C-alpha atoms as a PDB file:
ATOM      1  CA  UNK A   1     -14.634  -1.582  20.690  1.00  0.00           C
ATOM      2  CA  UNK A   2     -16.162   1.724  22.110  1.00  0.00           C
ATOM      3  CA  UNK A   3     -18.001   4.429  20.243  1.00  0.00           C
ATOM      4  CA  UNK A   4     -16.527   7.560  19.468  1.00  0.00           C
ATOM      5  CA  UNK A   5     -18.808  10.880  19.287  1.00  0.00           C
ATOM      6  CA  UNK A   6     -18.865  13.050  16.418  1.00  0.00           C
ATOM      7  CA  UNK A   7     -21.345  16.220  15.799  1.00  0.00           C
ATOM      8  CA  UNK A   8     -22.715  16.614  12.425  1.00  0.00           C
ATOM      9  CA  UNK A   9     -24.908  19.274  10.419  1.00  0.00           C
ATOM     10  CA  UNK A  10     -27.247  18.832   7.903  1.00  0.00           C
ATOM     11  CA  UNK A  11     -25.555  20.083   4.573  1.00  0.00           C
ATOM     12  CA  UNK A  12     -27.590  22.376   2.042  1.00  0.00           C
ATOM     13  CA  UNK A  13     -24.643  23.275   0.514  1.00  0.00           C
ATOM     14  CA  UNK A  14     -24.184  21.485  -3.106  1.00  0.00           C
ATOM     15  CA  UNK A  15     -22.394  21.716  -6.340  1.00  0.00           C
ATOM     16  CA  UNK A  16     -18.549  22.532  -6.860  1.00  0.00           C
ATOM     17  CA  UNK A  17     -18.655  25.985  -5.248  1.00  0.00           C
ATOM     18  CA  UNK A  18     -20.566  24.721  -2.542  1.00  0.00           C
ATOM     19  CA  UNK A  19     -18.359  22.056  -1.399  1.00  0.00           C
ATOM     20  CA  UNK A  20     -15.527  24.766  -1.917  1.00  0.00           C
ATOM     21  CA  UNK A  21     -17.014  27.154   0.634  1.00  0.00           C
ATOM     22  CA  UNK A  22     -17.489  24.485   3.230  1.00  0.00           C
ATOM     23  CA  UNK A  23     -13.691  23.474   3.226  1.00  0.00           C
ATOM     24  CA  UNK A  24     -12.346  26.999   3.097  1.00  0.00           C
ATOM     25  CA  UNK A  25     -14.255  27.208   6.387  1.00  0.00           C
ATOM     26  CA  UNK A  26     -12.618  24.051   7.697  1.00  0.00           C
ATOM     27  CA  UNK A  27     -15.789  21.900   7.075  1.00  0.00           C
ATOM     28  CA  UNK A  28     -15.755  18.326   5.236  1.00  0.00           C
ATOM     29  CA  UNK A  29     -18.673  17.663   3.126  1.00  0.00           C
ATOM     30  CA  UNK A  30     -20.311  14.060   4.099  1.00  0.00           C
ATOM     31  CA  UNK A  31     -23.089  11.729   3.573  1.00  0.00           C
ATOM     32  CA  UNK A  32     -24.764   9.445   5.474  1.00  0.00           C
ATOM     33  CA  UNK A  33     -26.724   6.250   4.063  1.00  0.00           C
ATOM     34  CA  UNK A  34     -28.528   3.028   4.943  1.00  0.00           C
ATOM     35  CA  UNK A  35     -30.093   0.456   2.202  1.00  0.00           C
ATOM     36  CA  UNK A  36     -33.456   1.340   1.478  1.00  0.00           C
ATOM     37  CA  UNK A  37     -33.292   4.769   2.931  1.00  0.00           C
ATOM     38  CA  UNK A  38     -32.817   8.294   1.640  1.00  0.00           C
ATOM     39  CA  UNK A  39     -29.244   9.884   2.038  1.00  0.00           C
ATOM     40  CA  UNK A  40     -28.608  12.561   4.206  1.00  0.00           C
ATOM     41  CA  UNK A  41     -25.962  15.308   3.311  1.00  0.00           C
ATOM     42  CA  UNK A  42     -23.862  16.482   6.318  1.00  0.00           C
ATOM     43  CA  UNK A  43     -20.936  18.835   7.110  1.00  0.00           C
ATOM     44  CA  UNK A  44     -18.424  17.647   9.682  1.00  0.00           C
ATOM     45  CA  UNK A  45     -15.681  19.963  11.439  1.00  0.00           C
ATOM     46  CA  UNK A  46     -12.296  18.790   9.968  1.00  0.00           C
ATOM     47  CA  UNK A  47     -10.483  18.862  13.454  1.00  0.00           C
ATOM     48  CA  UNK A  48     -13.233  16.877  14.737  1.00  0.00           C
ATOM     49  CA  UNK A  49     -12.845  13.935  12.067  1.00  0.00           C
ATOM     50  CA  UNK A  50      -9.255  14.202  12.357  1.00  0.00           C
ATOM     51  CA  UNK A  51      -9.272  13.211  16.022  1.00  0.00           C
ATOM     52  CA  UNK A  52     -11.648  10.255  15.444  1.00  0.00           C
ATOM     53  CA  UNK A  53      -9.645   8.900  12.560  1.00  0.00           C
ATOM     54  CA  UNK A  54      -6.408   8.836  14.344  1.00  0.00           C
ATOM     55  CA  UNK A  55      -7.658   6.484  17.142  1.00  0.00           C
ATOM     56  CA  UNK A  56      -5.831   3.072  17.016  1.00  0.00           C
ATOM     57  CA  UNK A  57      -8.739   1.551  14.931  1.00  0.00           C
ATOM     58  CA  UNK A  58      -8.538   4.206  12.108  1.00  0.00           C
ATOM     59  CA  UNK A  59     -11.105   3.645   9.534  1.00  0.00           C
ATOM     60  CA  UNK A  60     -12.766   0.780  11.553  1.00  0.00           C
ATOM     61  CA  UNK A  61     -14.025   2.950  14.343  1.00  0.00           C
ATOM     62  CA  UNK A  62     -17.797   3.093  15.402  1.00  0.00           C
ATOM     63  CA  UNK A  63     -18.874   6.418  15.786  1.00  0.00           C
ATOM     64  CA  UNK A  64     -22.027   7.796  17.185  1.00  0.00           C
ATOM     65  CA  UNK A  65     -23.131  10.295  14.924  1.00  0.00           C
ATOM     66  CA  UNK A  66     -25.171  12.954  16.372  1.00  0.00           C
ATOM     67  CA  UNK A  67     -26.862  14.745  13.459  1.00  0.00           C
ATOM     68  CA  UNK A  68     -28.260  18.480  13.993  1.00  0.00           C
ATOM     69  CA  UNK A  69     -30.296  20.960  12.099  1.00  0.00           C
ATOM     70  CA  UNK A  70     -28.807  22.851   9.603  1.00  0.00           C
ATOM     71  CA  UNK A  71     -27.472  26.489  10.679  1.00  0.00           C
ATOM     72  CA  UNK A  72     -30.607  28.942  11.373  1.00  0.00           C
ATOM     73  CA  UNK A  73     -33.141  25.997  11.433  1.00  0.00           C
ATOM     74  CA  UNK A  74     -34.842  23.791  14.172  1.00  0.00           C
ATOM     75  CA  UNK A  75     -35.271  20.082  13.792  1.00  0.00           C
ATOM     76  CA  UNK A  76     -35.400  17.129  16.246  1.00  0.00           C
ATOM     77  CA  UNK A  77     -32.079  15.823  16.773  1.00  0.00           C
ATOM     78  CA  UNK A  78     -30.877  12.283  15.498  1.00  0.00           C
ATOM     79  CA  UNK A  79     -28.263  10.056  16.312  1.00  0.00           C
ATOM     80  CA  UNK A  80     -26.953   7.171  14.379  1.00  0.00           C
ATOM     81  CA  UNK A  81     -24.635   4.577  14.725  1.00  0.00           C
ATOM     82  CA  UNK A  82     -22.167   4.358  11.711  1.00  0.00           C
ATOM     83  CA  UNK A  83     -18.612   3.486  10.287  1.00  0.00           C
ATOM     84  CA  UNK A  84     -16.407   4.947   7.543  1.00  0.00           C
ATOM     85  CA  UNK A  85     -17.299   3.649   4.338  1.00  0.00           C
ATOM     86  CA  UNK A  86     -14.819   5.857   2.275  1.00  0.00           C
ATOM     87  CA  UNK A  87     -12.639   8.814   2.218  1.00  0.00           C
ATOM     88  CA  UNK A  88     -12.166  10.867  -0.495  1.00  0.00           C
ATOM     89  CA  UNK A  89      -8.759  12.638  -0.197  1.00  0.00           C
ATOM     90  CA  UNK A  90      -6.576  15.059  -1.994  1.00  0.00           C
ATOM     91  CA  UNK A  91      -3.364  13.301  -1.895  1.00  0.00           C
ATOM     92  CA  UNK A  92      -1.212  16.258  -3.021  1.00  0.00           C
ATOM     93  CA  UNK A  93      -2.831  18.959  -0.528  1.00  0.00           C
ATOM     94  CA  UNK A  94      -2.918  15.844   2.185  1.00  0.00           C
ATOM     95  CA  UNK A  95      -6.922  16.905   2.488  1.00  0.00           C
ATOM     96  CA  UNK A  96      -9.805  15.043   3.132  1.00  0.00           C
ATOM     97  CA  UNK A  97     -12.449  16.082   0.542  1.00  0.00           C
ATOM     98  CA  UNK A  98     -15.611  14.030   1.436  1.00  0.00           C
ATOM     99  CA  UNK A  99     -16.602  11.203   3.773  1.00  0.00           C
ATOM    100  CA  UNK A 100     -19.254   8.391   3.367  1.00  0.00           C
ATOM    101  CA  UNK A 101     -20.854   6.977   6.460  1.00  0.00           C
ATOM    102  CA  UNK A 102     -22.804   3.906   6.534  1.00  0.00           C
ATOM    103  CA  UNK A 103     -25.571   3.405   9.290  1.00  0.00           C
ATOM    104  CA  UNK A 104     -25.217   0.133  11.049  1.00  0.00           C
ATOM    105  CA  UNK A 105     -26.916  -2.258  13.583  1.00  0.00           C
ATOM    106  CA  UNK A 106     -24.821  -3.341  16.546  1.00  0.00           C
ATOM    107  CA  UNK A 107     -26.614  -6.736  16.337  1.00  0.00           C
ATOM    108  CA  UNK A 108     -25.886  -7.687  12.985  1.00  0.00           C
ATOM    109  CA  UNK A 109     -22.414  -8.512  11.198  1.00  0.00           C
ATOM    110  CA  UNK A 110     -20.278  -6.304   8.784  1.00  0.00           C
ATOM    111  CA  UNK A 111     -17.347  -6.824   6.444  1.00  0.00           C
ATOM    112  CA  UNK A 112     -14.546  -4.683   7.168  1.00  0.00           C
ATOM    113  CA  UNK A 113     -10.753  -4.941   6.155  1.00  0.00           C
ATOM    114  CA  UNK A 114      -8.185  -5.123   9.280  1.00  0.00           C
ATOM    115  CA  UNK A 115      -4.601  -4.467   8.877  1.00  0.00           C
ATOM    116  CA  UNK A 116      -1.967  -7.318   9.367  1.00  0.00           C
ATOM    117  CA  UNK A 117       0.898  -6.162  12.323  1.00  0.00           C
ATOM    118  CA  UNK A 118       3.993  -8.039  12.110  1.00  0.00           C
ATOM    119  CA  UNK A 119       5.632  -8.953  15.376  1.00  0.00           C
ATOM    120  CA  UNK A 120       8.978 -10.551  16.190  1.00  0.00           C
ATOM    121  CA  UNK A 121      12.042 -11.050  13.853  1.00  0.00           C
ATOM    122  CA  UNK A 122      12.370 -14.043  11.476  1.00  0.00           C
ATOM    123  CA  UNK A 123      15.068 -16.655  12.011  1.00  0.00           C
ATOM    124  CA  UNK A 124      15.189 -17.117   8.485  1.00  0.00           C
ATOM    125  CA  UNK A 125      15.965 -13.394   8.321  1.00  0.00           C
ATOM    126  CA  UNK A 126      18.316 -13.076  11.367  1.00  0.00           C
ATOM    127  CA  UNK A 127      20.232 -16.006  11.079  1.00  0.00           C
ATOM    128  CA  UNK A 128      20.164 -17.057   7.468  1.00  0.00           C
ATOM    129  CA  UNK A 129      20.388 -14.004   5.873  1.00  0.00           C
ATOM    130  CA  UNK A 130      16.768 -14.357   3.960  1.00  0.00           C
ATOM    131  CA  UNK A 131      14.350 -11.556   3.171  1.00  0.00           C
ATOM    132  CA  UNK A 132      10.650 -11.439   4.447  1.00  0.00           C
ATOM    133  CA  UNK A 133       8.076 -10.292   1.818  1.00  0.00           C
ATOM    134  CA  UNK A 134       4.862  -9.013   2.928  1.00  0.00           C
ATOM    135  CA  UNK A 135       2.655  -9.951   0.260  1.00  0.00           C
ATOM    136  CA  UNK A 136      -0.703  -9.070   1.938  1.00  0.00           C
ATOM    137  CA  UNK A 137      -1.353  -5.970   4.462  1.00  0.00           C
ATOM    138  CA  UNK A 138      -4.991  -6.620   5.572  1.00  0.00           C
ATOM    139  CA  UNK A 139      -7.618  -9.171   5.580  1.00  0.00           C
ATOM    140  CA  UNK A 140     -11.316  -8.948   5.105  1.00  0.00           C
ATOM    141  CA  UNK A 141     -13.198 -10.062   8.082  1.00  0.00           C
ATOM    142  CA  UNK A 142     -16.996 -10.581   8.983  1.00  0.00           C
ATOM    143  CA  UNK A 143     -18.166  -9.914  12.486  1.00  0.00           C
ATOM    144  CA  UNK A 144     -20.060  -7.834  14.638  1.00  0.00           C
ATOM    145  CA  UNK A 145     -19.560  -4.005  14.987  1.00  0.00           C
ATOM    146  CA  UNK A 146     -18.510  -4.586  18.685  1.00  0.00           C
ATOM    147  CA  UNK A 147     -15.799  -7.377  17.651  1.00  0.00           C
ATOM    148  CA  UNK A 148     -13.761  -5.579  14.909  1.00  0.00           C
ATOM    149  CA  UNK A 149     -10.506  -6.306  15.965  1.00  0.00           C
ATOM    150  CA  UNK A 150      -7.827  -3.242  15.919  1.00  0.00           C
ATOM    151  CA  UNK A 151      -5.496  -5.298  14.004  1.00  0.00           C
ATOM    152  CA  UNK A 152      -4.260  -9.244  13.238  1.00  0.00           C
ATOM    153  CA  UNK A 153      -0.997  -9.677  14.711  1.00  0.00           C
ATOM    154  CA  UNK A 154       1.302 -12.348  13.395  1.00  0.00           C
ATOM    155  CA  UNK A 155       4.519 -13.880  15.133  1.00  0.00           C
ATOM    156  CA  UNK A 156       6.991 -14.562  12.686  1.00  0.00           C
ATOM    157  CA  UNK A 157       9.717 -15.425  15.297  1.00  0.00           C
ATOM    158  CA  UNK A 158       9.859 -19.016  14.236  1.00  0.00           C
ATOM    159  CA  UNK A 159       9.616 -18.425  10.403  1.00  0.00           C
ATOM    160  CA  UNK A 160      12.447 -20.210   8.737  1.00  0.00           C
ATOM    161  CA  UNK A 161      13.758 -19.754   5.115  1.00  0.00           C
ATOM    162  CA  UNK A 162      11.480 -20.802   2.224  1.00  0.00           C
ATOM    163  CA  UNK A 163       8.691 -21.017   5.112  1.00  0.00           C
ATOM    164  CA  UNK A 164       5.519 -18.777   4.597  1.00  0.00           C
ATOM    165  CA  UNK A 165       2.911 -17.664   6.772  1.00  0.00           C
ATOM    166  CA  UNK A 166      -0.944 -18.699   5.110  1.00  0.00           C
ATOM    167  CA  UNK A 167      -4.623 -17.491   5.869  1.00  0.00           C
ATOM    168  CA  UNK A 168      -5.060 -20.547   7.314  1.00  0.00           C
ATOM    169  CA  UNK A 169      -2.171 -20.598   9.910  1.00  0.00           C
ATOM    170  CA  UNK A 170      -3.680 -17.573  11.609  1.00  0.00           C
ATOM    171  CA  UNK A 171      -5.264 -17.711  15.019  1.00  0.00           C
ATOM    172  CA  UNK A 172      -8.569 -15.494  15.105  1.00  0.00           C
ATOM    173  CA  UNK A 173     -10.397 -14.300  18.148  1.00  0.00           C
ATOM    174  CA  UNK A 174     -13.963 -16.046  18.205  1.00  0.00           C
ATOM    175  CA  UNK A 175     -16.860 -14.674  16.612  1.00  0.00           C
ATOM    176  CA  UNK A 176     -14.761 -12.926  13.749  1.00  0.00           C
ATOM    177  CA  UNK A 177     -14.614 -14.933  10.308  1.00  0.00           C
ATOM    178  CA  UNK A 178     -11.741 -14.209   7.729  1.00  0.00           C
ATOM    179  CA  UNK A 179     -13.048 -13.961   4.292  1.00  0.00           C
ATOM    180  CA  UNK A 180      -9.813 -14.237   2.178  1.00  0.00           C
ATOM    181  CA  UNK A 181      -8.881 -17.554   0.501  1.00  0.00           C
ATOM    182  CA  UNK A 182      -7.062 -19.974   3.219  1.00  0.00           C
ATOM    183  CA  UNK A 183      -4.512 -20.832   0.802  1.00  0.00           C
ATOM    184  CA  UNK A 184      -3.385 -17.422   0.804  1.00  0.00           C
ATOM    185  CA  UNK A 185      -0.040 -16.624   1.441  1.00  0.00           C
ATOM    186  CA  UNK A 186       0.552 -13.485   3.755  1.00  0.00           C
ATOM    187  CA  UNK A 187       4.219 -13.521   4.585  1.00  0.00           C
ATOM    188  CA  UNK A 188       7.170 -15.628   3.372  1.00  0.00           C
ATOM    189  CA  UNK A 189      10.715 -15.498   3.650  1.00  0.00           C
ATOM    190  CA  UNK A 190      13.052 -15.948   0.618  1.00  0.00           C
ATOM    191  CA  UNK A 191      16.739 -16.789   0.084  1.00  0.00           C
ATOM    192  CA  UNK A 192      18.985 -14.017  -0.387  1.00  0.00           C
ATOM    193  CA  UNK A 193      20.222 -13.288  -3.793  1.00  0.00           C
ATOM    194  CA  UNK A 194      23.132 -14.723  -5.371  1.00  0.00           C
ATOM    195  CA  UNK A 195      25.346 -11.820  -4.306  1.00  0.00           C
ATOM    196  CA  UNK A 196      28.419 -13.633  -4.486  1.00  0.00           C
ATOM    197  CA  UNK A 197      28.102 -14.328  -7.866  1.00  0.00           C
ATOM    198  CA  UNK A 198      27.564 -10.730  -9.002  1.00  0.00           C
ATOM    199  CA  UNK A 199      30.568  -9.984  -6.829  1.00  0.00           C
ATOM    200  CA  UNK A 200      32.665 -12.393  -8.806  1.00  0.00           C
ATOM    201  CA  UNK A 201      31.670 -10.860 -12.242  1.00  0.00           C
ATOM    202  CA  UNK A 202      32.578  -7.329 -10.736  1.00  0.00           C
ATOM    203  CA  UNK A 203      35.859  -8.602  -9.807  1.00  0.00           C
ATOM    204  CA  UNK A 204      36.596 -10.002 -13.017  1.00  0.00           C
ATOM    205  CA  UNK A 205      35.697  -6.883 -14.950  1.00  0.00           C
ATOM    206  CA  UNK A 206      34.676  -6.456 -18.168  1.00  0.00           C
ATOM    207  CA  UNK A 207      35.503  -8.835 -20.867  1.00  0.00           C
ATOM    208  CA  UNK A 208      38.513  -8.180 -22.881  1.00  0.00           C
ATOM    209  CA  UNK A 209      37.716  -6.928 -26.427  1.00  0.00           C
ATOM    210  CA  UNK A 210      38.910  -9.377 -28.945  1.00  0.00           C
ATOM    211  CA  UNK A 211      42.070  -8.452 -30.874  1.00  0.00           C
ATOM    212  CA  UNK A 212      41.879  -8.210 -34.680  1.00  0.00           C
ATOM    213  CA  UNK A 213      44.876 -10.136 -35.898  1.00  0.00           C
ATOM    214  CA  UNK A 214      47.680  -8.081 -37.429  1.00  0.00           C
ATOM    215  CA  UNK A 215      50.053  -9.139 -39.678  1.00  0.00           C
ATOM    216  CA  UNK A 216      53.646 -10.036 -38.638  1.00  0.00           C
ATOM    217  CA  UNK A 217      56.364  -7.381 -38.798  1.00  0.00           C
ATOM    218  CA  UNK A 218      58.046  -9.948 -40.700  1.00  0.00           C
ATOM    219  CA  UNK A 219      55.303 -10.089 -43.413  1.00  0.00           C
ATOM    220  CA  UNK A 220      54.924  -6.334 -43.675  1.00  0.00           C
ATOM    221  CA  UNK A 221      58.815  -5.936 -43.972  1.00  0.00           C
ATOM    222  CA  UNK A 222      58.580  -8.702 -46.659  1.00  0.00           C
ATOM    223  CA  UNK A 223      56.054  -6.665 -48.765  1.00  0.00           C
ATOM    224  CA  UNK A 224      57.870  -3.462 -48.274  1.00  0.00           C
ATOM    225  CA  UNK A 225      60.758  -5.118 -50.141  1.00  0.00           C
ATOM    226  CA  UNK A 226      58.738  -6.345 -53.199  1.00  0.00           C
ATOM    227  CA  UNK A 227      57.640  -2.867 -53.558  1.00  0.00           C
ATOM    228  CA  UNK A 228      60.948  -1.643 -53.744  1.00  0.00           C
ATOM    229  CA  UNK A 229      62.259  -4.039 -56.387  1.00  0.00           C
ATOM    230  CA  UNK A 230      59.019  -3.723 -58.493  1.00  0.00           C
ATOM    231  CA  UNK A 231      59.678   0.322 -58.237  1.00  0.00           C
ATOM    232  CA  UNK A 232      63.529  -0.331 -59.469  1.00  0.00           C
ATOM    233  CA  UNK A 233      62.545  -2.366 -62.449  1.00  0.00           C
ATOM    234  CA  UNK A 234      59.941  -0.201 -63.771  1.00  0.00           C
ATOM    235  CA  UNK A 235      62.830   2.600 -63.377  1.00  0.00           C
ATOM    236  CA  UNK A 236      65.125   0.396 -65.314  1.00  0.00           C
ATOM    237  CA  UNK A 237      62.718  -0.150 -67.943  1.00  0.00           C
ATOM    238  CA  UNK A 238      62.405   3.445 -68.410  1.00  0.00           C
END
């Protein structure tokens, strides 16, 4: 993996108001750290950072970070090899709020998450109408920084109905170790839903409401005649 260059300046602005002023100047607050060493507060250009984060390696890009003194001060320049450890974003404004860099050594292994890329079209989907379920979108790997894969490709062309791809099924480049559970399912092809049964129920329509039994017309007429006779007898008594 090639390294990309990024210039950063030592940051003296702190606190919410200081961070706000930096962002208004199209600068991003940042920090670079290494275990056992003091953190270095930085500020980086928003446009420059956007360019490196949109390379094919995304957040796993190796950065040669050239740290310069704060404006108006003289200090020996320092260059650190780093990776992006965390990016804080404002999702509503689509704006990067803060970046954490971690200093690394190119001769020591590191752990990173690598995205999964699916290629081909499953025969279980294309021929049999199944549904492809993507259960995991990235894998945690351990390797030297120079061996970080851009992505892990999985060809699903031969994946049939009710078949799955597990971590243990993957073929990975030499020098890269996958840390996920080997039995973990990444992709699976599920049978189609029982659409026919649903359609049949829709065609049948809603069940007819139960009809409450009513008296037969004859019975109604008989009851009416009895009422008339009783009324006549009462009139004769009077």
